[in-house]
């Protein structure tokens, strides 16, 4: 499974907005990934003051490693798939769209509360 950015942050912070069923799925799934795009998104939003995190960015990596959450790089194939995605007026977020491409290319379920992912040919997991 591939965690959306908010899911990673909620999981690491034990945030009550993350449903217990999703938390348990993350804890019991052998292969859990976080895109480097999500890490980049966090660092950008923290830098411009759009996001406040309770855990310093450096510790996010340490926590991911301790929880066996793997960093997923962006490949050239991901960029090609990204470019082929339809550009809809309601979903132009580049971070979300690269997650879609990565999920498609690796047949990963995307864990997200965001219903904007539903039109894509991926499996979105939420509750």
C-alpha atoms as a PDB file:
ATOM      1  CA  UNK A   1       0.000   0.000   0.000  1.00  0.00           C
ATOM      2  CA  UNK A   2       1.017   3.589  -0.678  1.00  0.00           C
ATOM      3  CA  UNK A   3       0.197   6.188   1.980  1.00  0.00           C
ATOM      4  CA  UNK A   4      -1.048   9.618   1.028  1.00  0.00           C
ATOM      5  CA  UNK A   5       0.778  12.464   2.767  1.00  0.00           C
ATOM      6  CA  UNK A   6      -1.935  13.167   5.326  1.00  0.00           C
ATOM      7  CA  UNK A   7      -2.189   9.460   6.165  1.00  0.00           C
ATOM      8  CA  UNK A   8       1.543   9.283   6.891  1.00  0.00           C
ATOM      9  CA  UNK A   9       1.360  12.306   9.183  1.00  0.00           C
ATOM     10  CA  UNK A  10      -1.776  11.074  10.957  1.00  0.00           C
ATOM     11  CA  UNK A  11      -0.282   7.593  11.379  1.00  0.00           C
ATOM     12  CA  UNK A  12       3.004   8.872  12.800  1.00  0.00           C
ATOM     13  CA  UNK A  13       1.199  11.303  15.126  1.00  0.00           C
ATOM     14  CA  UNK A  14      -1.405   8.731  16.208  1.00  0.00           C
ATOM     15  CA  UNK A  15      -4.001  11.283  15.098  1.00  0.00           C
ATOM     16  CA  UNK A  16      -7.625  10.318  15.863  1.00  0.00           C
ATOM     17  CA  UNK A  17      -8.654  11.426  12.348  1.00  0.00           C
ATOM     18  CA  UNK A  18      -7.040   8.215  11.082  1.00  0.00           C
ATOM     19  CA  UNK A  19      -9.683   5.496  11.386  1.00  0.00           C
ATOM     20  CA  UNK A  20      -8.662   2.608  13.617  1.00  0.00           C
ATOM     21  CA  UNK A  21      -9.308   0.160  10.767  1.00  0.00           C
ATOM     22  CA  UNK A  22      -6.845   2.019   8.515  1.00  0.00           C
ATOM     23  CA  UNK A  23      -4.239   2.196  11.284  1.00  0.00           C
ATOM     24  CA  UNK A  24      -4.539  -1.562  11.760  1.00  0.00           C
ATOM     25  CA  UNK A  25      -4.245  -2.207   8.001  1.00  0.00           C
ATOM     26  CA  UNK A  26      -1.051  -0.146   7.871  1.00  0.00           C
ATOM     27  CA  UNK A  27       0.368  -1.972  10.882  1.00  0.00           C
ATOM     28  CA  UNK A  28      -0.508  -5.403   9.452  1.00  0.00           C
ATOM     29  CA  UNK A  29       0.503  -4.912   5.814  1.00  0.00           C
ATOM     30  CA  UNK A  30       3.885  -6.286   4.842  1.00  0.00           C
ATOM     31  CA  UNK A  31       4.787  -3.652   2.243  1.00  0.00           C
ATOM     32  CA  UNK A  32       3.924  -0.060   3.107  1.00  0.00           C
ATOM     33  CA  UNK A  33       5.352   2.777   1.030  1.00  0.00           C
ATOM     34  CA  UNK A  34       5.553   6.558   1.198  1.00  0.00           C
ATOM     35  CA  UNK A  35       6.440   8.440  -1.948  1.00  0.00           C
ATOM     36  CA  UNK A  36       9.402  10.764  -1.853  1.00  0.00           C
ATOM     37  CA  UNK A  37       6.885  13.224  -3.351  1.00  0.00           C
ATOM     38  CA  UNK A  38       5.032  13.190  -0.020  1.00  0.00           C
ATOM     39  CA  UNK A  39       8.227  13.966   1.859  1.00  0.00           C
ATOM     40  CA  UNK A  40       8.918  16.770  -0.576  1.00  0.00           C
ATOM     41  CA  UNK A  41       5.342  18.055  -0.140  1.00  0.00           C
ATOM     42  CA  UNK A  42       5.755  18.098   3.652  1.00  0.00           C
ATOM     43  CA  UNK A  43       9.078  19.935   3.468  1.00  0.00           C
ATOM     44  CA  UNK A  44       7.719  22.541   1.032  1.00  0.00           C
ATOM     45  CA  UNK A  45       4.560  23.189   3.040  1.00  0.00           C
ATOM     46  CA  UNK A  46       6.455  23.399   6.337  1.00  0.00           C
ATOM     47  CA  UNK A  47       8.957  25.801   4.717  1.00  0.00           C
ATOM     48  CA  UNK A  48       6.252  28.183   3.434  1.00  0.00           C
ATOM     49  CA  UNK A  49       4.228  28.001   6.644  1.00  0.00           C
ATOM     50  CA  UNK A  50       1.282  26.135   5.146  1.00  0.00           C
ATOM     51  CA  UNK A  51       1.795  23.070   7.373  1.00  0.00           C
ATOM     52  CA  UNK A  52       2.864  22.580  10.959  1.00  0.00           C
ATOM     53  CA  UNK A  53       4.128  19.142  11.952  1.00  0.00           C
ATOM     54  CA  UNK A  54       4.550  17.843  15.470  1.00  0.00           C
ATOM     55  CA  UNK A  55       7.535  15.735  14.465  1.00  0.00           C
ATOM     56  CA  UNK A  56      10.628  17.369  12.908  1.00  0.00           C
ATOM     57  CA  UNK A  57      11.200  16.314   9.305  1.00  0.00           C
ATOM     58  CA  UNK A  58      14.414  14.510  10.247  1.00  0.00           C
ATOM     59  CA  UNK A  59      12.481  12.345  12.711  1.00  0.00           C
ATOM     60  CA  UNK A  60       9.847  11.411  10.138  1.00  0.00           C
ATOM     61  CA  UNK A  61      12.483   9.370   8.314  1.00  0.00           C
ATOM     62  CA  UNK A  62      13.658   7.731  11.544  1.00  0.00           C
ATOM     63  CA  UNK A  63      10.066   6.870  12.457  1.00  0.00           C
ATOM     64  CA  UNK A  64       9.372   5.493   8.985  1.00  0.00           C
ATOM     65  CA  UNK A  65      12.420   3.247   9.214  1.00  0.00           C
ATOM     66  CA  UNK A  66      11.452   2.043  12.703  1.00  0.00           C
ATOM     67  CA  UNK A  67       7.970   1.173  11.403  1.00  0.00           C
ATOM     68  CA  UNK A  68       9.332  -0.487   8.235  1.00  0.00           C
ATOM     69  CA  UNK A  69       7.643   2.082   5.978  1.00  0.00           C
ATOM     70  CA  UNK A  70       9.630   2.194   2.765  1.00  0.00           C
ATOM     71  CA  UNK A  71      10.552   5.308   0.807  1.00  0.00           C
ATOM     72  CA  UNK A  72       9.288   5.088  -2.777  1.00  0.00           C
ATOM     73  CA  UNK A  73      11.391   6.949  -5.353  1.00  0.00           C
ATOM     74  CA  UNK A  74       9.933   8.612  -8.436  1.00  0.00           C
ATOM     75  CA  UNK A  75      11.049   6.855 -11.605  1.00  0.00           C
ATOM     76  CA  UNK A  76      11.094   7.895 -15.233  1.00  0.00           C
ATOM     77  CA  UNK A  77       8.154   5.501 -15.804  1.00  0.00           C
ATOM     78  CA  UNK A  78       6.235   7.350 -13.096  1.00  0.00           C
ATOM     79  CA  UNK A  79       6.825  10.613 -14.967  1.00  0.00           C
ATOM     80  CA  UNK A  80       5.567   9.068 -18.206  1.00  0.00           C
ATOM     81  CA  UNK A  81       2.432   7.765 -16.483  1.00  0.00           C
ATOM     82  CA  UNK A  82       1.949  11.141 -14.778  1.00  0.00           C
ATOM     83  CA  UNK A  83       2.053  12.880 -18.169  1.00  0.00           C
ATOM     84  CA  UNK A  84      -0.595  10.500 -19.531  1.00  0.00           C
ATOM     85  CA  UNK A  85      -3.115  11.159 -16.727  1.00  0.00           C
ATOM     86  CA  UNK A  86      -6.089  13.263 -17.762  1.00  0.00           C
ATOM     87  CA  UNK A  87      -5.805  16.798 -16.458  1.00  0.00           C
ATOM     88  CA  UNK A  88      -9.181  17.466 -14.887  1.00  0.00           C
ATOM     89  CA  UNK A  89     -10.262  20.815 -13.520  1.00  0.00           C
ATOM     90  CA  UNK A  90     -10.977  19.366 -10.087  1.00  0.00           C
ATOM     91  CA  UNK A  91      -7.682  17.527  -9.610  1.00  0.00           C
ATOM     92  CA  UNK A  92      -4.536  19.342 -10.655  1.00  0.00           C
ATOM     93  CA  UNK A  93      -2.443  18.770  -7.524  1.00  0.00           C
ATOM     94  CA  UNK A  94       0.955  17.549  -8.772  1.00  0.00           C
ATOM     95  CA  UNK A  95       1.724  15.653  -5.546  1.00  0.00           C
ATOM     96  CA  UNK A  96      -1.547  13.715  -5.728  1.00  0.00           C
ATOM     97  CA  UNK A  97      -1.106  12.988  -9.413  1.00  0.00           C
ATOM     98  CA  UNK A  98       2.383  11.498  -8.934  1.00  0.00           C
ATOM     99  CA  UNK A  99       0.950   9.255  -6.197  1.00  0.00           C
ATOM    100  CA  UNK A 100      -1.634   8.049  -8.702  1.00  0.00           C
ATOM    101  CA  UNK A 101       1.101   7.311 -11.242  1.00  0.00           C
ATOM    102  CA  UNK A 102       3.175   5.438  -8.675  1.00  0.00           C
ATOM    103  CA  UNK A 103       0.186   3.420  -7.463  1.00  0.00           C
ATOM    104  CA  UNK A 104      -0.723   2.528 -11.050  1.00  0.00           C
ATOM    105  CA  UNK A 105       2.809   1.509 -12.016  1.00  0.00           C
ATOM    106  CA  UNK A 106       3.294  -0.721  -8.984  1.00  0.00           C
ATOM    107  CA  UNK A 107      -0.283  -1.981  -8.526  1.00  0.00           C
ATOM    108  CA  UNK A 108      -0.411  -0.455  -5.060  1.00  0.00           C
ATOM    109  CA  UNK A 109      -3.531   0.503  -3.137  1.00  0.00           C
ATOM    110  CA  UNK A 110      -3.510   4.176  -2.240  1.00  0.00           C
ATOM    111  CA  UNK A 111      -4.522   4.898   1.346  1.00  0.00           C
ATOM    112  CA  UNK A 112      -6.265   8.266   1.420  1.00  0.00           C
ATOM    113  CA  UNK A 113      -9.366  10.031   2.694  1.00  0.00           C
ATOM    114  CA  UNK A 114      -9.373  12.087  -0.529  1.00  0.00           C
ATOM    115  CA  UNK A 115     -12.193  11.055  -2.884  1.00  0.00           C
ATOM    116  CA  UNK A 116     -10.551  12.986  -5.736  1.00  0.00           C
ATOM    117  CA  UNK A 117      -8.544   9.802  -6.380  1.00  0.00           C
ATOM    118  CA  UNK A 118     -11.665   7.761  -7.149  1.00  0.00           C
ATOM    119  CA  UNK A 119     -11.911   8.532 -10.906  1.00  0.00           C
ATOM    120  CA  UNK A 120      -8.451   7.023 -11.483  1.00  0.00           C
ATOM    121  CA  UNK A 121      -7.794   3.357 -12.272  1.00  0.00           C
ATOM    122  CA  UNK A 122      -6.382   2.640  -8.800  1.00  0.00           C
ATOM    123  CA  UNK A 123      -7.679   1.132  -5.597  1.00  0.00           C
ATOM    124  CA  UNK A 124      -8.236   3.744  -2.880  1.00  0.00           C
ATOM    125  CA  UNK A 125      -8.457   2.378   0.661  1.00  0.00           C
ATOM    126  CA  UNK A 126     -10.367   4.222   3.352  1.00  0.00           C
ATOM    127  CA  UNK A 127     -12.408   2.633   6.143  1.00  0.00           C
END
